[in-house]
Amino acid sequence: MATRQVAIVVGSSRGIGRQIAVDLAKNGYAVIVAGKTTSDASECTPFPPDPNSQQSTINTVVREISEAGGDATAYQVDVRDFQNVQDMVEQTVKKYKRLDVLVYNSGAIWWSSVEKTPMKRFQLMQRVNPEGLYGAVQACLPHLYRNGDDGKGQGRIVVISPPIYSRFLRGKTAYAVGKFGMSALTIGVAMDFEREARSNMAITSLWPAAAIDSAATQNPQTDRSQLRKPTIFSDAVLAILKAPVESVNGRCVLDEDFLRERGGIEDFSRYALVPGSVPRRIMPADFPSLRVKEQEDEGRRMDSTLLGATKL
């Protein structure tokens, strides 16, 4: 029997992350269900719990996957602690002897003006969102690079962050700073892959085209008829993992648009949370290109690692 591919899903105790972990397991992956919230899953009643509630933890998700015949391991991680993140990755490889996929879904959220966003809240978002992602990617890359037979590595990274465009900043600048940083990391790491001829490596950012039923949308301000099921997002993740490297590396895509492009889906009614409803699209139909005409002109490129700048 072929060896299972192994995926780490960071931020998978509830909501979208939980759905991604469950559906990866259904598709044959061994899944590391990583997050902060733990519980005694054997004492959970009723089971499974509401996937968007505090009763849904990394342990209940592992129980859910295991009882369905899948392979999953819970790992409590604080993405603000790089050593903790490194330990998670090392323990994953120690147990499964490999690592193939990283999905980074952890996120801190606060939507308001700069004036009304406390410094502590801003710092939390930066530590969990771009800094946590950076640490997770850096911890995973050495193991992904060891995959394959050509010495160039093999693996996929999926980042939950949006395309970069101006409207996203409106009313949530502090949040957008971090999320755009995550998308910038996606674009930059993809360039690293290309420059190093790592033709079997890809990193992709994914974002919802319409709002999704998740832990973040459980509030009285949200109209339930304007939500989609989280399965649209996990279906898009699976489609990204199956797509050719050249079609996804460095791209920032939307779930609906990518499923239309790569999955041939035109009717998205199956994903409506309220049957018969048509959730409003919250993202633009077209995005600006970030490429410039001098894109390929690197000039004289500096490498700080050759200047002894790695010593802090």
C-alpha atoms as a PDB file:
ATOM      1  CA  MET A   1       0.000   0.000   0.000  1.00  0.00           C
ATOM      2  CA  ALA A   2       1.286   3.454  -0.885  1.00  0.00           C
ATOM      3  CA  THR A   3       2.533   5.587   1.992  1.00  0.00           C
ATOM      4  CA  ARG A   4       0.031   8.214   3.050  1.00  0.00           C
ATOM      5  CA  GLN A   5       0.952  11.794   2.358  1.00  0.00           C
ATOM      6  CA  VAL A   6       1.175  13.883   5.528  1.00  0.00           C
ATOM      7  CA  ALA A   7      -0.402  17.304   6.020  1.00  0.00           C
ATOM      8  CA  ILE A   8      -0.077  19.756   8.890  1.00  0.00           C
ATOM      9  CA  VAL A   9      -3.142  21.975   9.248  1.00  0.00           C
ATOM     10  CA  VAL A  10      -2.361  24.821  11.629  1.00  0.00           C
ATOM     11  CA  GLY A  11      -5.495  26.349  13.112  1.00  0.00           C
ATOM     12  CA  SER A  12      -7.791  23.352  12.693  1.00  0.00           C
ATOM     13  CA  SER A  13      -9.705  23.079  15.950  1.00  0.00           C
ATOM     14  CA  ARG A  14     -12.909  24.531  14.475  1.00  0.00           C
ATOM     15  CA  GLY A  15     -14.504  26.257  11.497  1.00  0.00           C
ATOM     16  CA  ILE A  16     -12.740  26.272   8.156  1.00  0.00           C
ATOM     17  CA  GLY A  17      -9.574  24.672   9.533  1.00  0.00           C
ATOM     18  CA  ARG A  18     -11.519  21.760  10.963  1.00  0.00           C
ATOM     19  CA  GLN A  19     -13.255  21.195   7.616  1.00  0.00           C
ATOM     20  CA  ILE A  20      -9.926  21.224   5.782  1.00  0.00           C
ATOM     21  CA  ALA A  21      -8.459  18.672   8.203  1.00  0.00           C
ATOM     22  CA  VAL A  22     -11.518  16.393   7.971  1.00  0.00           C
ATOM     23  CA  ASP A  23     -11.600  16.491   4.175  1.00  0.00           C
ATOM     24  CA  LEU A  24      -7.856  15.957   3.795  1.00  0.00           C
ATOM     25  CA  ALA A  25      -8.217  12.844   5.949  1.00  0.00           C
ATOM     26  CA  LYS A  26     -11.153  11.655   3.809  1.00  0.00           C
ATOM     27  CA  ASN A  27      -8.862  11.996   0.807  1.00  0.00           C
ATOM     28  CA  GLY A  28      -6.180   9.756   2.286  1.00  0.00           C
ATOM     29  CA  TYR A  29      -3.878  12.200   4.050  1.00  0.00           C
ATOM     30  CA  ALA A  30      -2.503  11.619   7.530  1.00  0.00           C
ATOM     31  CA  VAL A  31      -3.342  14.914   9.228  1.00  0.00           C
ATOM     32  CA  ILE A  32      -1.693  16.805  12.065  1.00  0.00           C
ATOM     33  CA  VAL A  33      -4.577  18.719  13.623  1.00  0.00           C
ATOM     34  CA  ALA A  34      -2.746  21.675  15.172  1.00  0.00           C
ATOM     35  CA  GLY A  35      -4.117  24.488  17.291  1.00  0.00           C
ATOM     36  CA  LYS A  36      -4.297  25.944  20.797  1.00  0.00           C
ATOM     37  CA  THR A  37      -7.609  24.544  22.044  1.00  0.00           C
ATOM     38  CA  THR A  38      -7.584  21.106  23.657  1.00  0.00           C
ATOM     39  CA  SER A  39     -10.100  18.996  25.550  1.00  0.00           C
ATOM     40  CA  ASP A  40     -10.893  15.477  26.676  1.00  0.00           C
ATOM     41  CA  ALA A  41     -12.636  14.347  23.493  1.00  0.00           C
ATOM     42  CA  SER A  42     -13.963  11.190  25.166  1.00  0.00           C
ATOM     43  CA  GLU A  43     -16.077  13.393  27.446  1.00  0.00           C
ATOM     44  CA  CYS A  44     -17.580  15.436  24.611  1.00  0.00           C
ATOM     45  CA  THR A  45     -21.382  15.156  24.612  1.00  0.00           C
ATOM     46  CA  PRO A  46     -23.046  15.403  22.178  1.00  0.00           C
ATOM     47  CA  PHE A  47     -20.457  14.319  19.652  1.00  0.00           C
ATOM     48  CA  PRO A  48     -19.403  15.701  17.281  1.00  0.00           C
ATOM     49  CA  PRO A  49     -19.779  19.180  18.755  1.00  0.00           C
ATOM     50  CA  ASP A  50     -20.853  22.308  16.910  1.00  0.00           C
ATOM     51  CA  PRO A  51     -17.788  22.818  14.657  1.00  0.00           C
ATOM     52  CA  ASN A  52     -17.855  26.574  15.253  1.00  0.00           C
ATOM     53  CA  SER A  53     -18.075  26.396  19.055  1.00  0.00           C
ATOM     54  CA  GLN A  54     -15.500  26.306  21.833  1.00  0.00           C
ATOM     55  CA  GLN A  55     -16.397  22.636  22.324  1.00  0.00           C
ATOM     56  CA  SER A  56     -14.699  21.863  19.010  1.00  0.00           C
ATOM     57  CA  THR A  57     -11.000  21.322  19.743  1.00  0.00           C
ATOM     58  CA  ILE A  58      -8.031  19.640  18.105  1.00  0.00           C
ATOM     59  CA  ASN A  59      -8.901  16.535  20.138  1.00  0.00           C
ATOM     60  CA  THR A  60     -12.537  16.342  19.039  1.00  0.00           C
ATOM     61  CA  VAL A  61     -11.449  16.825  15.414  1.00  0.00           C
ATOM     62  CA  VAL A  62      -8.950  13.957  15.743  1.00  0.00           C
ATOM     63  CA  ARG A  63     -11.650  11.757  17.289  1.00  0.00           C
ATOM     64  CA  GLU A  64     -14.011  12.676  14.450  1.00  0.00           C
ATOM     65  CA  ILE A  65     -11.408  11.768  11.824  1.00  0.00           C
ATOM     66  CA  SER A  66     -10.354   8.577  13.593  1.00  0.00           C
ATOM     67  CA  GLU A  67     -13.906   7.296  14.022  1.00  0.00           C
ATOM     68  CA  ALA A  68     -14.426   7.809  10.271  1.00  0.00           C
ATOM     69  CA  GLY A  69     -11.393   5.606   9.566  1.00  0.00           C
ATOM     70  CA  GLY A  70      -8.849   8.356   9.000  1.00  0.00           C
ATOM     71  CA  ASP A  71      -5.387   8.960  10.421  1.00  0.00           C
ATOM     72  CA  ALA A  72      -4.958  12.071  12.563  1.00  0.00           C
ATOM     73  CA  THR A  73      -2.812  13.352  15.409  1.00  0.00           C
ATOM     74  CA  ALA A  74      -3.514  16.319  17.651  1.00  0.00           C
ATOM     75  CA  TYR A  75      -0.714  18.760  18.395  1.00  0.00           C
ATOM     76  CA  GLN A  76      -1.173  21.762  20.663  1.00  0.00           C
ATOM     77  CA  VAL A  77       0.784  24.673  19.254  1.00  0.00           C
ATOM     78  CA  ASP A  78       1.146  28.394  19.906  1.00  0.00           C
ATOM     79  CA  VAL A  79       2.289  29.896  16.596  1.00  0.00           C
ATOM     80  CA  ARG A  80       3.804  32.856  18.459  1.00  0.00           C
ATOM     81  CA  ASP A  81       6.435  30.484  19.862  1.00  0.00           C
ATOM     82  CA  PHE A  82       8.816  29.483  17.069  1.00  0.00           C
ATOM     83  CA  GLN A  83      10.379  26.704  19.140  1.00  0.00           C
ATOM     84  CA  ASN A  84       6.917  25.259  19.702  1.00  0.00           C
ATOM     85  CA  VAL A  85       6.283  25.366  15.948  1.00  0.00           C
ATOM     86  CA  GLN A  86       9.622  23.707  15.215  1.00  0.00           C
ATOM     87  CA  ASP A  87       8.865  20.980  17.756  1.00  0.00           C
ATOM     88  CA  MET A  88       5.492  20.327  16.084  1.00  0.00           C
ATOM     89  CA  VAL A  89       7.145  19.837  12.704  1.00  0.00           C
ATOM     90  CA  GLU A  90       9.925  17.657  14.119  1.00  0.00           C
ATOM     91  CA  GLN A  91       7.442  15.460  15.991  1.00  0.00           C
ATOM     92  CA  THR A  92       5.362  15.116  12.822  1.00  0.00           C
ATOM     93  CA  VAL A  93       8.350  13.889  10.813  1.00  0.00           C
ATOM     94  CA  LYS A  94       9.479  11.644  13.659  1.00  0.00           C
ATOM     95  CA  LYS A  95       6.093   9.914  13.748  1.00  0.00           C
ATOM     96  CA  TYR A  96       5.217   9.770  10.044  1.00  0.00           C
ATOM     97  CA  LYS A  97       8.727   9.832   8.506  1.00  0.00           C
ATOM     98  CA  ARG A  98       7.671  12.529   6.037  1.00  0.00           C
ATOM     99  CA  LEU A  99       5.873  15.826   5.469  1.00  0.00           C
ATOM    100  CA  ASP A 100       4.111  16.801   2.246  1.00  0.00           C
ATOM    101  CA  VAL A 101       1.683  19.657   2.910  1.00  0.00           C
ATOM    102  CA  LEU A 102       1.373  22.680   5.189  1.00  0.00           C
ATOM    103  CA  VAL A 103      -1.937  24.522   5.451  1.00  0.00           C
ATOM    104  CA  TYR A 104      -1.703  27.678   7.567  1.00  0.00           C
ATOM    105  CA  ASN A 105      -5.159  28.691   8.790  1.00  0.00           C
ATOM    106  CA  SER A 106      -4.306  30.286  12.162  1.00  0.00           C
ATOM    107  CA  GLY A 107      -5.468  33.853  12.398  1.00  0.00           C
ATOM    108  CA  ALA A 108      -6.229  36.697  14.783  1.00  0.00           C
ATOM    109  CA  ILE A 109      -8.858  39.209  13.689  1.00  0.00           C
ATOM    110  CA  TRP A 110      -9.881  42.766  14.607  1.00  0.00           C
ATOM    111  CA  TRP A 111     -11.678  44.987  12.135  1.00  0.00           C
ATOM    112  CA  SER A 112     -11.668  48.676  12.956  1.00  0.00           C
ATOM    113  CA  SER A 113      -9.885  51.936  12.211  1.00  0.00           C
ATOM    114  CA  VAL A 114      -6.263  52.483  13.181  1.00  0.00           C
ATOM    115  CA  GLU A 115      -7.415  54.860  15.928  1.00  0.00           C
ATOM    116  CA  LYS A 116      -9.651  52.163  17.426  1.00  0.00           C
ATOM    117  CA  THR A 117      -7.192  49.276  17.106  1.00  0.00           C
ATOM    118  CA  PRO A 118      -5.171  49.020  20.346  1.00  0.00           C
ATOM    119  CA  MET A 119      -1.441  48.427  19.968  1.00  0.00           C
ATOM    120  CA  LYS A 120      -1.685  45.105  21.801  1.00  0.00           C
ATOM    121  CA  ARG A 121      -4.354  43.934  19.354  1.00  0.00           C
ATOM    122  CA  PHE A 122      -2.203  45.024  16.396  1.00  0.00           C
ATOM    123  CA  GLN A 123       0.814  43.176  17.799  1.00  0.00           C
ATOM    124  CA  LEU A 124      -1.234  40.014  18.396  1.00  0.00           C
ATOM    125  CA  MET A 125      -2.433  39.989  14.789  1.00  0.00           C
ATOM    126  CA  GLN A 126       1.080  40.432  13.432  1.00  0.00           C
ATOM    127  CA  ARG A 127       2.475  37.666  15.632  1.00  0.00           C
ATOM    128  CA  VAL A 128      -0.250  35.149  14.801  1.00  0.00           C
ATOM    129  CA  ASN A 129      -0.773  36.055  11.141  1.00  0.00           C
ATOM    130  CA  PRO A 130       2.452  36.904   9.204  1.00  0.00           C
ATOM    131  CA  GLU A 131       4.983  35.981  11.913  1.00  0.00           C
ATOM    132  CA  GLY A 132       3.279  32.675  12.739  1.00  0.00           C
ATOM    133  CA  LEU A 133       3.109  31.815   9.050  1.00  0.00           C
ATOM    134  CA  TYR A 134       6.764  32.721   8.516  1.00  0.00           C
ATOM    135  CA  GLY A 135       7.803  30.438  11.363  1.00  0.00           C
ATOM    136  CA  ALA A 136       5.650  27.546  10.144  1.00  0.00           C
ATOM    137  CA  VAL A 137       6.979  27.836   6.586  1.00  0.00           C
ATOM    138  CA  GLN A 138      10.579  28.092   7.732  1.00  0.00           C
ATOM    139  CA  ALA A 139      10.189  25.051   9.997  1.00  0.00           C
ATOM    140  CA  CYS A 140       8.605  22.964   7.211  1.00  0.00           C
ATOM    141  CA  LEU A 141      10.838  23.875   4.263  1.00  0.00           C
ATOM    142  CA  PRO A 142      13.865  21.701   5.169  1.00  0.00           C
ATOM    143  CA  HIS A 143      11.614  18.635   5.309  1.00  0.00           C
ATOM    144  CA  LEU A 144       9.750  19.475   2.104  1.00  0.00           C
ATOM    145  CA  TYR A 145      13.093  20.011   0.364  1.00  0.00           C
ATOM    146  CA  ARG A 146      14.143  16.468   1.281  1.00  0.00           C
ATOM    147  CA  ASN A 147      11.204  14.956  -0.627  1.00  0.00           C
ATOM    148  CA  GLY A 148      11.487  13.660  -4.189  1.00  0.00           C
ATOM    149  CA  ASP A 149      14.326  12.081  -6.120  1.00  0.00           C
ATOM    150  CA  ASP A 150      15.942  15.095  -7.779  1.00  0.00           C
ATOM    151  CA  GLY A 151      17.242  16.870  -4.672  1.00  0.00           C
ATOM    152  CA  LYS A 152      14.968  19.850  -5.374  1.00  0.00           C
ATOM    153  CA  GLY A 153      12.169  18.918  -2.996  1.00  0.00           C
ATOM    154  CA  GLN A 154       8.483  18.250  -3.372  1.00  0.00           C
ATOM    155  CA  GLY A 155       5.553  19.672  -1.441  1.00  0.00           C
ATOM    156  CA  ARG A 156       2.740  22.179  -1.203  1.00  0.00           C
ATOM    157  CA  ILE A 157       1.930  25.080   1.109  1.00  0.00           C
ATOM    158  CA  VAL A 158      -1.511  26.699   1.272  1.00  0.00           C
ATOM    159  CA  VAL A 159      -1.852  30.045   3.053  1.00  0.00           C
ATOM    160  CA  ILE A 160      -5.173  31.556   4.102  1.00  0.00           C
ATOM    161  CA  SER A 161      -4.691  35.130   2.893  1.00  0.00           C
ATOM    162  CA  PRO A 162      -6.225  37.364   0.205  1.00  0.00           C
ATOM    163  CA  PRO A 163      -5.174  38.852  -3.118  1.00  0.00           C
ATOM    164  CA  ILE A 164      -3.514  42.243  -2.592  1.00  0.00           C
ATOM    165  CA  TYR A 165      -5.747  45.179  -3.561  1.00  0.00           C
ATOM    166  CA  SER A 166      -6.722  48.533  -2.072  1.00  0.00           C
ATOM    167  CA  ARG A 167     -10.359  48.015  -1.003  1.00  0.00           C
ATOM    168  CA  PHE A 168      -9.359  45.294   1.458  1.00  0.00           C
ATOM    169  CA  LEU A 169      -7.711  47.975   3.634  1.00  0.00           C
ATOM    170  CA  ARG A 170     -10.938  49.875   4.213  1.00  0.00           C
ATOM    171  CA  GLY A 171     -12.013  49.758   7.858  1.00  0.00           C
ATOM    172  CA  LYS A 172      -9.488  47.074   8.823  1.00  0.00           C
ATOM    173  CA  THR A 173      -6.027  48.447   8.092  1.00  0.00           C
ATOM    174  CA  ALA A 174      -4.266  46.733  10.993  1.00  0.00           C
ATOM    175  CA  TYR A 175      -5.695  43.368   9.986  1.00  0.00           C
ATOM    176  CA  ALA A 176      -4.893  43.939   6.306  1.00  0.00           C
ATOM    177  CA  VAL A 177      -1.265  44.808   7.081  1.00  0.00           C
ATOM    178  CA  GLY A 178      -0.756  41.286   8.428  1.00  0.00           C
ATOM    179  CA  LYS A 179      -2.854  39.501   5.833  1.00  0.00           C
ATOM    180  CA  PHE A 180      -1.112  41.312   2.977  1.00  0.00           C
ATOM    181  CA  GLY A 181       2.174  40.339   4.621  1.00  0.00           C
ATOM    182  CA  MET A 182       1.077  36.703   4.378  1.00  0.00           C
ATOM    183  CA  SER A 183       0.249  37.108   0.695  1.00  0.00           C
ATOM    184  CA  ALA A 184       3.592  38.846   0.126  1.00  0.00           C
ATOM    185  CA  LEU A 185       5.294  35.845   1.727  1.00  0.00           C
ATOM    186  CA  THR A 186       3.415  33.563  -0.672  1.00  0.00           C
ATOM    187  CA  ILE A 187       4.625  35.541  -3.680  1.00  0.00           C
ATOM    188  CA  GLY A 188       8.179  35.787  -2.346  1.00  0.00           C
ATOM    189  CA  VAL A 189       8.590  32.121  -1.408  1.00  0.00           C
ATOM    190  CA  ALA A 190       7.252  31.179  -4.851  1.00  0.00           C
ATOM    191  CA  MET A 191      10.011  33.312  -6.372  1.00  0.00           C
ATOM    192  CA  ASP A 192      12.537  31.462  -4.207  1.00  0.00           C
ATOM    193  CA  PHE A 193      11.212  28.163  -5.564  1.00  0.00           C
ATOM    194  CA  GLU A 194      11.521  29.403  -9.131  1.00  0.00           C
ATOM    195  CA  ARG A 195      15.017  30.852  -8.709  1.00  0.00           C
ATOM    196  CA  GLU A 196      16.212  27.606  -7.117  1.00  0.00           C
ATOM    197  CA  ALA A 197      14.541  25.474  -9.826  1.00  0.00           C
ATOM    198  CA  ARG A 198      12.353  23.689  -7.289  1.00  0.00           C
ATOM    199  CA  SER A 199       9.856  22.640  -9.929  1.00  0.00           C
ATOM    200  CA  ASN A 200       7.872  20.331  -7.627  1.00  0.00           C
ATOM    201  CA  MET A 201       7.278  22.949  -4.924  1.00  0.00           C
ATOM    202  CA  ALA A 202       4.345  25.337  -4.786  1.00  0.00           C
ATOM    203  CA  ILE A 203       2.886  27.851  -2.349  1.00  0.00           C
ATOM    204  CA  THR A 204      -0.561  29.347  -2.865  1.00  0.00           C
ATOM    205  CA  SER A 205      -2.774  31.826  -1.003  1.00  0.00           C
ATOM    206  CA  LEU A 206      -6.507  31.127  -0.816  1.00  0.00           C
ATOM    207  CA  TRP A 207      -9.373  33.372   0.277  1.00  0.00           C
ATOM    208  CA  PRO A 208     -13.195  33.092   0.188  1.00  0.00           C
ATOM    209  CA  ALA A 209     -15.130  34.876  -2.548  1.00  0.00           C
ATOM    210  CA  ALA A 210     -18.241  34.943  -0.336  1.00  0.00           C
ATOM    211  CA  ALA A 211     -18.451  34.777   3.455  1.00  0.00           C
ATOM    212  CA  ILE A 212     -18.241  31.303   4.993  1.00  0.00           C
ATOM    213  CA  ASP A 213     -19.915  29.777   8.026  1.00  0.00           C
ATOM    214  CA  SER A 214     -17.039  29.648  10.498  1.00  0.00           C
ATOM    215  CA  ALA A 215     -16.034  30.608  14.017  1.00  0.00           C
ATOM    216  CA  ALA A 216     -15.407  34.157  12.720  1.00  0.00           C
ATOM    217  CA  THR A 217     -18.990  34.602  11.467  1.00  0.00           C
ATOM    218  CA  GLN A 218     -20.843  33.495  14.591  1.00  0.00           C
ATOM    219  CA  ASN A 219     -22.146  36.943  15.527  1.00  0.00           C
ATOM    220  CA  PRO A 220     -25.483  38.807  15.362  1.00  0.00           C
ATOM    221  CA  GLN A 221     -24.138  41.097  12.616  1.00  0.00           C
ATOM    222  CA  THR A 222     -24.009  38.179  10.171  1.00  0.00           C
ATOM    223  CA  ASP A 223     -26.988  37.259   7.978  1.00  0.00           C
ATOM    224  CA  ARG A 224     -26.945  33.451   7.784  1.00  0.00           C
ATOM    225  CA  SER A 225     -28.367  33.518   4.260  1.00  0.00           C
ATOM    226  CA  GLN A 226     -25.203  35.298   3.133  1.00  0.00           C
ATOM    227  CA  LEU A 227     -22.919  32.436   4.166  1.00  0.00           C
ATOM    228  CA  ARG A 228     -21.527  29.406   2.370  1.00  0.00           C
ATOM    229  CA  LYS A 229     -20.616  26.052   3.875  1.00  0.00           C
ATOM    230  CA  PRO A 230     -16.913  25.603   4.686  1.00  0.00           C
ATOM    231  CA  THR A 231     -16.778  22.668   2.266  1.00  0.00           C
ATOM    232  CA  ILE A 232     -16.304  25.142  -0.592  1.00  0.00           C
ATOM    233  CA  PHE A 233     -13.004  26.134   0.992  1.00  0.00           C
ATOM    234  CA  SER A 234     -11.772  22.619   1.678  1.00  0.00           C
ATOM    235  CA  ASP A 235     -12.738  21.618  -1.871  1.00  0.00           C
ATOM    236  CA  ALA A 236     -10.614  24.507  -3.144  1.00  0.00           C
ATOM    237  CA  VAL A 237      -7.675  23.403  -0.969  1.00  0.00           C
ATOM    238  CA  LEU A 238      -7.900  19.885  -2.407  1.00  0.00           C
ATOM    239  CA  ALA A 239      -8.085  21.303  -5.946  1.00  0.00           C
ATOM    240  CA  ILE A 240      -4.953  23.388  -5.306  1.00  0.00           C
ATOM    241  CA  LEU A 241      -3.063  20.340  -4.029  1.00  0.00           C
ATOM    242  CA  LYS A 242      -4.012  18.367  -7.151  1.00  0.00           C
ATOM    243  CA  ALA A 243      -3.259  21.165  -9.636  1.00  0.00           C
ATOM    244  CA  PRO A 244       0.042  21.356 -11.567  1.00  0.00           C
ATOM    245  CA  VAL A 245       2.722  23.371  -9.769  1.00  0.00           C
ATOM    246  CA  GLU A 246       2.951  25.977 -12.527  1.00  0.00           C
ATOM    247  CA  SER A 247      -0.777  26.735 -12.253  1.00  0.00           C
ATOM    248  CA  VAL A 248      -0.722  27.546  -8.520  1.00  0.00           C
ATOM    249  CA  ASN A 249       2.765  28.570  -7.397  1.00  0.00           C
ATOM    250  CA  GLY A 250       2.790  32.150  -6.144  1.00  0.00           C
ATOM    251  CA  ARG A 251      -0.875  32.755  -6.884  1.00  0.00           C
ATOM    252  CA  CYS A 252      -3.403  34.405  -4.562  1.00  0.00           C
ATOM    253  CA  VAL A 253      -6.741  32.873  -5.551  1.00  0.00           C
ATOM    254  CA  LEU A 254     -10.382  32.808  -4.437  1.00  0.00           C
ATOM    255  CA  ASP A 255     -12.200  29.554  -3.640  1.00  0.00           C
ATOM    256  CA  GLU A 256     -15.092  30.061  -6.089  1.00  0.00           C
ATOM    257  CA  ASP A 257     -12.924  31.307  -8.928  1.00  0.00           C
ATOM    258  CA  PHE A 258     -10.361  28.540  -8.561  1.00  0.00           C
ATOM    259  CA  LEU A 259     -13.033  25.824  -8.421  1.00  0.00           C
ATOM    260  CA  ARG A 260     -14.562  27.301 -11.564  1.00  0.00           C
ATOM    261  CA  GLU A 261     -11.130  27.429 -13.237  1.00  0.00           C
ATOM    262  CA  ARG A 262      -9.702  24.066 -12.187  1.00  0.00           C
ATOM    263  CA  GLY A 263     -12.759  22.059 -11.106  1.00  0.00           C
ATOM    264  CA  GLY A 264     -15.168  23.056 -13.841  1.00  0.00           C
ATOM    265  CA  ILE A 265     -17.825  24.024 -11.277  1.00  0.00           C
ATOM    266  CA  GLU A 266     -20.411  26.553 -12.429  1.00  0.00           C
ATOM    267  CA  ASP A 267     -23.285  25.922 -10.017  1.00  0.00           C
ATOM    268  CA  PHE A 268     -22.294  26.847  -6.456  1.00  0.00           C
ATOM    269  CA  SER A 269     -25.753  26.434  -4.934  1.00  0.00           C
ATOM    270  CA  ARG A 270     -24.613  23.233  -3.185  1.00  0.00           C
ATOM    271  CA  TYR A 271     -22.426  25.382  -0.937  1.00  0.00           C
ATOM    272  CA  ALA A 272     -25.160  27.784   0.269  1.00  0.00           C
ATOM    273  CA  LEU A 273     -25.612  27.470   4.043  1.00  0.00           C
ATOM    274  CA  VAL A 274     -29.300  28.361   3.711  1.00  0.00           C
ATOM    275  CA  PRO A 275     -30.758  26.277   0.855  1.00  0.00           C
ATOM    276  CA  GLY A 276     -31.967  28.444  -2.027  1.00  0.00           C
ATOM    277  CA  SER A 277     -30.033  31.516  -0.933  1.00  0.00           C
ATOM    278  CA  VAL A 278     -27.410  33.223  -3.092  1.00  0.00           C
ATOM    279  CA  PRO A 279     -24.670  34.605  -0.820  1.00  0.00           C
ATOM    280  CA  ARG A 280     -23.292  37.977  -1.868  1.00  0.00           C
ATOM    281  CA  ARG A 281     -19.791  37.935  -3.309  1.00  0.00           C
ATOM    282  CA  ILE A 282     -17.583  40.015  -1.002  1.00  0.00           C
ATOM    283  CA  MET A 283     -14.476  40.018  -3.194  1.00  0.00           C
ATOM    284  CA  PRO A 284     -13.870  41.810  -6.519  1.00  0.00           C
ATOM    285  CA  ALA A 285     -14.214  39.950  -9.808  1.00  0.00           C
ATOM    286  CA  ASP A 286     -10.826  41.193 -11.047  1.00  0.00           C
ATOM    287  CA  PHE A 287      -7.619  42.133  -9.260  1.00  0.00           C
ATOM    288  CA  PRO A 288      -4.705  44.382 -10.245  1.00  0.00           C
ATOM    289  CA  SER A 289      -1.498  42.773 -11.425  1.00  0.00           C
ATOM    290  CA  LEU A 290       1.508  43.399  -9.184  1.00  0.00           C
ATOM    291  CA  ARG A 291       3.998  42.738 -11.969  1.00  0.00           C
ATOM    292  CA  VAL A 292       5.992  45.582 -13.473  1.00  0.00           C
ATOM    293  CA  LYS A 293       7.600  45.762 -16.905  1.00  0.00           C
ATOM    294  CA  GLU A 294      11.038  45.472 -15.258  1.00  0.00           C
ATOM    295  CA  GLN A 295       9.937  42.289 -13.443  1.00  0.00           C
ATOM    296  CA  GLU A 296      12.852  40.179 -14.685  1.00  0.00           C
ATOM    297  CA  ASP A 297      15.538  42.821 -14.022  1.00  0.00           C
ATOM    298  CA  GLU A 298      17.133  41.914 -10.680  1.00  0.00           C
ATOM    299  CA  GLY A 299      20.120  44.201 -11.027  1.00  0.00           C
ATOM    300  CA  ARG A 300      23.025  43.376  -8.739  1.00  0.00           C
ATOM    301  CA  ARG A 301      21.378  41.240  -6.088  1.00  0.00           C
ATOM    302  CA  MET A 302      22.615  41.246  -2.484  1.00  0.00           C
ATOM    303  CA  ASP A 303      22.534  38.140  -0.287  1.00  0.00           C
ATOM    304  CA  SER A 304      22.840  39.023   3.394  1.00  0.00           C
ATOM    305  CA  THR A 305      23.855  35.470   4.298  1.00  0.00           C
ATOM    306  CA  LEU A 306      27.105  36.067   2.410  1.00  0.00           C
ATOM    307  CA  LEU A 307      27.827  39.214   4.437  1.00  0.00           C
ATOM    308  CA  GLY A 308      27.695  37.623   7.876  1.00  0.00           C
ATOM    309  CA  ALA A 309      24.414  39.382   8.603  1.00  0.00           C
ATOM    310  CA  THR A 310      22.808  36.255  10.077  1.00  0.00           C
ATOM    311  CA  LYS A 311      24.403  36.998  13.470  1.00  0.00           C
ATOM    312  CA  LEU A 312      21.999  38.985  15.639  1.00  0.00           C
END
